[in-house]
Amino acid sequence: MDYVKDIVKKYNNDRAFIISILQDLQEKTGYLKREDMFKLSKILNMPVADIYRIATFFKAFSLTPRGKNIIQICLGTACHVRGGDKVLLEFENKLNIQAGETTTDGNFTLETVNCLGACALGPVVVVNQKYYGNMNTSKVKDILNEYK
């Protein structure tokens, strides 16, 4: 079964749907695999450089394997002034990784975002699309335990 061909076929082999195709590919494999993007390039008759340009422009895409649980720490102005940077540091210390990295066991990927649109709840952390508002460093351990 060739999932790349199947996904592209779903969009009638139309390169106008490249973002949707990349989203589906990432959902299938957890990240955008190099070999899949080369295959996509051939199927759509589109330069692989253009595909990489799109994949690296949008923060939603990842070119490396991501963890089972995606943790996003908001560092927008409202969250930052309320201690978002301290919350990030606590996650980095507890997970022994830096923002942008994945734990060696593949369980967690830690990311920062500029705004999650929940400024009144800041600092905000999102794990697998579940929001945790009014975060502080003492809540980090409990959140991690929820996902172990």
C-alpha atoms as a PDB file:
ATOM      1  CA  MET A   1       0.000   0.000   0.000  1.00  0.00           C
ATOM      2  CA  ASP A   2       1.413   3.365  -1.006  1.00  0.00           C
ATOM      3  CA  TYR A   3      -0.092   5.898   1.386  1.00  0.00           C
ATOM      4  CA  VAL A   4       1.503   8.865  -0.406  1.00  0.00           C
ATOM      5  CA  LYS A   5      -0.265   8.008  -3.672  1.00  0.00           C
ATOM      6  CA  ASP A   6      -3.506   7.329  -1.795  1.00  0.00           C
ATOM      7  CA  ILE A   7      -3.396  10.708  -0.042  1.00  0.00           C
ATOM      8  CA  VAL A   8      -2.611  12.602  -3.247  1.00  0.00           C
ATOM      9  CA  LYS A   9      -5.366  10.738  -5.081  1.00  0.00           C
ATOM     10  CA  LYS A  10      -7.817  11.908  -2.410  1.00  0.00           C
ATOM     11  CA  TYR A  11      -7.083  15.447  -3.683  1.00  0.00           C
ATOM     12  CA  ASN A  12      -7.313  14.452  -7.374  1.00  0.00           C
ATOM     13  CA  ASN A  13      -3.530  14.798  -7.796  1.00  0.00           C
ATOM     14  CA  ASP A  14      -4.002  18.569  -7.608  1.00  0.00           C
ATOM     15  CA  ARG A  15      -0.991  20.501  -6.311  1.00  0.00           C
ATOM     16  CA  ALA A  16      -3.320  23.334  -5.274  1.00  0.00           C
ATOM     17  CA  PHE A  17      -4.067  21.150  -2.230  1.00  0.00           C
ATOM     18  CA  ILE A  18      -0.403  20.805  -1.219  1.00  0.00           C
ATOM     19  CA  ILE A  19      -0.978  22.051   2.336  1.00  0.00           C
ATOM     20  CA  SER A  20      -3.837  19.606   2.902  1.00  0.00           C
ATOM     21  CA  ILE A  21      -1.757  16.809   1.378  1.00  0.00           C
ATOM     22  CA  LEU A  22       1.162  17.622   3.693  1.00  0.00           C
ATOM     23  CA  GLN A  23      -1.193  17.738   6.686  1.00  0.00           C
ATOM     24  CA  ASP A  24      -2.533  14.281   5.814  1.00  0.00           C
ATOM     25  CA  LEU A  25       0.979  12.908   5.305  1.00  0.00           C
ATOM     26  CA  GLN A  26       2.089  14.244   8.666  1.00  0.00           C
ATOM     27  CA  GLU A  27      -0.988  12.821  10.351  1.00  0.00           C
ATOM     28  CA  LYS A  28      -0.209   9.413   8.828  1.00  0.00           C
ATOM     29  CA  THR A  29       3.454   9.241   9.880  1.00  0.00           C
ATOM     30  CA  GLY A  30       3.790  11.791  12.689  1.00  0.00           C
ATOM     31  CA  TYR A  31       6.123  13.989  10.645  1.00  0.00           C
ATOM     32  CA  LEU A  32       7.026  14.714   7.024  1.00  0.00           C
ATOM     33  CA  LYS A  33       9.460  12.060   5.890  1.00  0.00           C
ATOM     34  CA  ARG A  34      12.115  13.029   3.379  1.00  0.00           C
ATOM     35  CA  GLU A  35      11.344  10.087   1.089  1.00  0.00           C
ATOM     36  CA  ASP A  36       7.628  10.950   1.128  1.00  0.00           C
ATOM     37  CA  MET A  37       8.340  14.503   0.017  1.00  0.00           C
ATOM     38  CA  PHE A  38      10.468  13.251  -2.887  1.00  0.00           C
ATOM     39  CA  LYS A  39       7.686  10.849  -3.861  1.00  0.00           C
ATOM     40  CA  LEU A  40       5.172  13.691  -3.594  1.00  0.00           C
ATOM     41  CA  SER A  41       7.386  15.824  -5.830  1.00  0.00           C
ATOM     42  CA  LYS A  42       7.264  13.185  -8.579  1.00  0.00           C
ATOM     43  CA  ILE A  43       3.533  12.541  -8.274  1.00  0.00           C
ATOM     44  CA  LEU A  44       2.624  16.234  -8.393  1.00  0.00           C
ATOM     45  CA  ASN A  45       5.397  17.157 -10.855  1.00  0.00           C
ATOM     46  CA  MET A  46       6.419  19.844  -8.384  1.00  0.00           C
ATOM     47  CA  PRO A  47       9.998  20.742  -7.389  1.00  0.00           C
ATOM     48  CA  VAL A  48      10.907  19.179  -4.058  1.00  0.00           C
ATOM     49  CA  ALA A  49      12.391  22.558  -3.058  1.00  0.00           C
ATOM     50  CA  ASP A  50       8.905  24.081  -3.304  1.00  0.00           C
ATOM     51  CA  ILE A  51       7.496  21.329  -1.092  1.00  0.00           C
ATOM     52  CA  TYR A  52      10.253  21.883   1.487  1.00  0.00           C
ATOM     53  CA  ARG A  53       9.669  25.647   1.340  1.00  0.00           C
ATOM     54  CA  ILE A  54       6.019  25.119   2.279  1.00  0.00           C
ATOM     55  CA  ALA A  55       6.814  22.486   4.908  1.00  0.00           C
ATOM     56  CA  THR A  56       9.367  24.713   6.631  1.00  0.00           C
ATOM     57  CA  PHE A  57       7.306  27.904   6.412  1.00  0.00           C
ATOM     58  CA  PHE A  58       4.425  26.609   8.524  1.00  0.00           C
ATOM     59  CA  LYS A  59       5.238  25.809  12.139  1.00  0.00           C
ATOM     60  CA  ALA A  60       2.542  23.108  12.134  1.00  0.00           C
ATOM     61  CA  PHE A  61       4.775  20.877   9.994  1.00  0.00           C
ATOM     62  CA  SER A  62       7.677  18.889  11.357  1.00  0.00           C
ATOM     63  CA  LEU A  63      10.549  17.331   9.391  1.00  0.00           C
ATOM     64  CA  THR A  64      11.640  15.227  12.354  1.00  0.00           C
ATOM     65  CA  PRO A  65       9.730  12.657  14.389  1.00  0.00           C
ATOM     66  CA  ARG A  66       7.604  14.213  17.095  1.00  0.00           C
ATOM     67  CA  GLY A  67       6.646  12.749  20.429  1.00  0.00           C
ATOM     68  CA  LYS A  68       3.436  10.972  21.263  1.00  0.00           C
ATOM     69  CA  ASN A  69       2.480  14.011  23.366  1.00  0.00           C
ATOM     70  CA  ILE A  70       3.003  17.524  22.023  1.00  0.00           C
ATOM     71  CA  ILE A  71       3.492  20.186  24.684  1.00  0.00           C
ATOM     72  CA  GLN A  72       3.168  23.809  23.576  1.00  0.00           C
ATOM     73  CA  ILE A  73       4.194  26.626  25.895  1.00  0.00           C
ATOM     74  CA  CYS A  74       2.861  30.081  25.077  1.00  0.00           C
ATOM     75  CA  LEU A  75       5.487  32.794  25.178  1.00  0.00           C
ATOM     76  CA  GLY A  76       3.284  35.608  23.885  1.00  0.00           C
ATOM     77  CA  THR A  77       3.402  38.893  25.761  1.00  0.00           C
ATOM     78  CA  ALA A  78       0.589  38.151  28.226  1.00  0.00           C
ATOM     79  CA  CYS A  79       1.937  34.701  29.042  1.00  0.00           C
ATOM     80  CA  HIS A  80       5.541  35.860  29.196  1.00  0.00           C
ATOM     81  CA  VAL A  81       4.894  38.638  31.704  1.00  0.00           C
ATOM     82  CA  ARG A  82       2.978  36.161  33.878  1.00  0.00           C
ATOM     83  CA  GLY A  83       5.831  33.654  34.004  1.00  0.00           C
ATOM     84  CA  GLY A  84       5.596  31.634  30.801  1.00  0.00           C
ATOM     85  CA  ASP A  85       9.389  31.575  30.516  1.00  0.00           C
ATOM     86  CA  LYS A  86       9.657  30.020  33.997  1.00  0.00           C
ATOM     87  CA  VAL A  87       7.067  27.374  33.066  1.00  0.00           C
ATOM     88  CA  LEU A  88       9.073  26.573  29.923  1.00  0.00           C
ATOM     89  CA  LEU A  89      12.267  26.241  31.947  1.00  0.00           C
ATOM     90  CA  GLU A  90      10.535  23.853  34.375  1.00  0.00           C
ATOM     91  CA  PHE A  91       9.306  21.649  31.488  1.00  0.00           C
ATOM     92  CA  GLU A  92      12.810  21.668  29.986  1.00  0.00           C
ATOM     93  CA  ASN A  93      14.316  20.643  33.327  1.00  0.00           C
ATOM     94  CA  LYS A  94      11.752  17.910  34.043  1.00  0.00           C
ATOM     95  CA  LEU A  95      11.969  16.455  30.519  1.00  0.00           C
ATOM     96  CA  ASN A  96      15.720  17.020  30.131  1.00  0.00           C
ATOM     97  CA  ILE A  97      15.214  18.549  26.668  1.00  0.00           C
ATOM     98  CA  GLN A  98      15.102  22.033  25.160  1.00  0.00           C
ATOM     99  CA  ALA A  99      12.187  23.612  23.313  1.00  0.00           C
ATOM    100  CA  GLY A 100      12.016  22.116  19.828  1.00  0.00           C
ATOM    101  CA  GLU A 101      13.264  18.715  20.968  1.00  0.00           C
ATOM    102  CA  THR A 102      11.709  15.321  21.642  1.00  0.00           C
ATOM    103  CA  THR A 103      12.481  13.087  24.617  1.00  0.00           C
ATOM    104  CA  THR A 104      14.608  10.035  23.875  1.00  0.00           C
ATOM    105  CA  ASP A 105      11.674   7.723  24.656  1.00  0.00           C
ATOM    106  CA  GLY A 106       9.538   9.560  22.070  1.00  0.00           C
ATOM    107  CA  ASN A 107       6.857  10.391  24.614  1.00  0.00           C
ATOM    108  CA  PHE A 108       7.101  14.209  24.602  1.00  0.00           C
ATOM    109  CA  THR A 109       7.924  16.977  22.159  1.00  0.00           C
ATOM    110  CA  LEU A 110       8.311  20.436  23.686  1.00  0.00           C
ATOM    111  CA  GLU A 111       7.455  23.476  21.575  1.00  0.00           C
ATOM    112  CA  THR A 112       7.009  27.188  22.093  1.00  0.00           C
ATOM    113  CA  VAL A 113       4.358  29.292  20.372  1.00  0.00           C
ATOM    114  CA  ASN A 114       3.888  33.034  20.130  1.00  0.00           C
ATOM    115  CA  CYS A 115       0.213  33.063  21.059  1.00  0.00           C
ATOM    116  CA  LEU A 116      -2.493  30.520  21.773  1.00  0.00           C
ATOM    117  CA  GLY A 117      -5.327  33.032  21.876  1.00  0.00           C
ATOM    118  CA  ALA A 118      -6.109  32.494  25.537  1.00  0.00           C
ATOM    119  CA  CYS A 119      -4.319  35.509  26.995  1.00  0.00           C
ATOM    120  CA  ALA A 120      -6.678  35.883  29.960  1.00  0.00           C
ATOM    121  CA  LEU A 121      -5.642  32.396  31.119  1.00  0.00           C
ATOM    122  CA  GLY A 122      -1.896  33.036  30.820  1.00  0.00           C
ATOM    123  CA  PRO A 123       0.499  31.525  31.158  1.00  0.00           C
ATOM    124  CA  VAL A 124      -1.024  28.802  29.003  1.00  0.00           C
ATOM    125  CA  VAL A 125       0.245  25.331  28.161  1.00  0.00           C
ATOM    126  CA  VAL A 126      -1.416  23.040  25.624  1.00  0.00           C
ATOM    127  CA  VAL A 127      -0.836  19.290  25.627  1.00  0.00           C
ATOM    128  CA  ASN A 128      -2.358  17.413  22.698  1.00  0.00           C
ATOM    129  CA  GLN A 129      -4.822  20.287  22.210  1.00  0.00           C
ATOM    130  CA  LYS A 130      -5.926  20.293  25.873  1.00  0.00           C
ATOM    131  CA  TYR A 131      -5.485  23.750  27.438  1.00  0.00           C
ATOM    132  CA  TYR A 132      -4.027  24.332  30.901  1.00  0.00           C
ATOM    133  CA  GLY A 133      -4.440  27.924  32.061  1.00  0.00           C
ATOM    134  CA  ASN A 134      -2.917  29.943  34.885  1.00  0.00           C
ATOM    135  CA  MET A 135       0.143  27.716  34.738  1.00  0.00           C
ATOM    136  CA  ASN A 136       2.996  27.849  37.175  1.00  0.00           C
ATOM    137  CA  THR A 137       6.057  25.737  37.808  1.00  0.00           C
ATOM    138  CA  SER A 138       4.404  23.678  40.569  1.00  0.00           C
ATOM    139  CA  LYS A 139       1.786  22.345  38.103  1.00  0.00           C
ATOM    140  CA  VAL A 140       4.327  21.005  35.582  1.00  0.00           C
ATOM    141  CA  LYS A 141       4.979  17.678  37.348  1.00  0.00           C
ATOM    142  CA  ASP A 142       1.249  16.900  37.613  1.00  0.00           C
ATOM    143  CA  ILE A 143       0.700  17.605  33.930  1.00  0.00           C
ATOM    144  CA  LEU A 144       3.602  15.378  32.906  1.00  0.00           C
ATOM    145  CA  ASN A 145       2.294  12.584  35.135  1.00  0.00           C
ATOM    146  CA  GLU A 146      -1.040  12.746  33.287  1.00  0.00           C
ATOM    147  CA  TYR A 147       0.695  11.758  30.059  1.00  0.00           C
ATOM    148  CA  LYS A 148       3.262   9.193  31.185  1.00  0.00           C
END
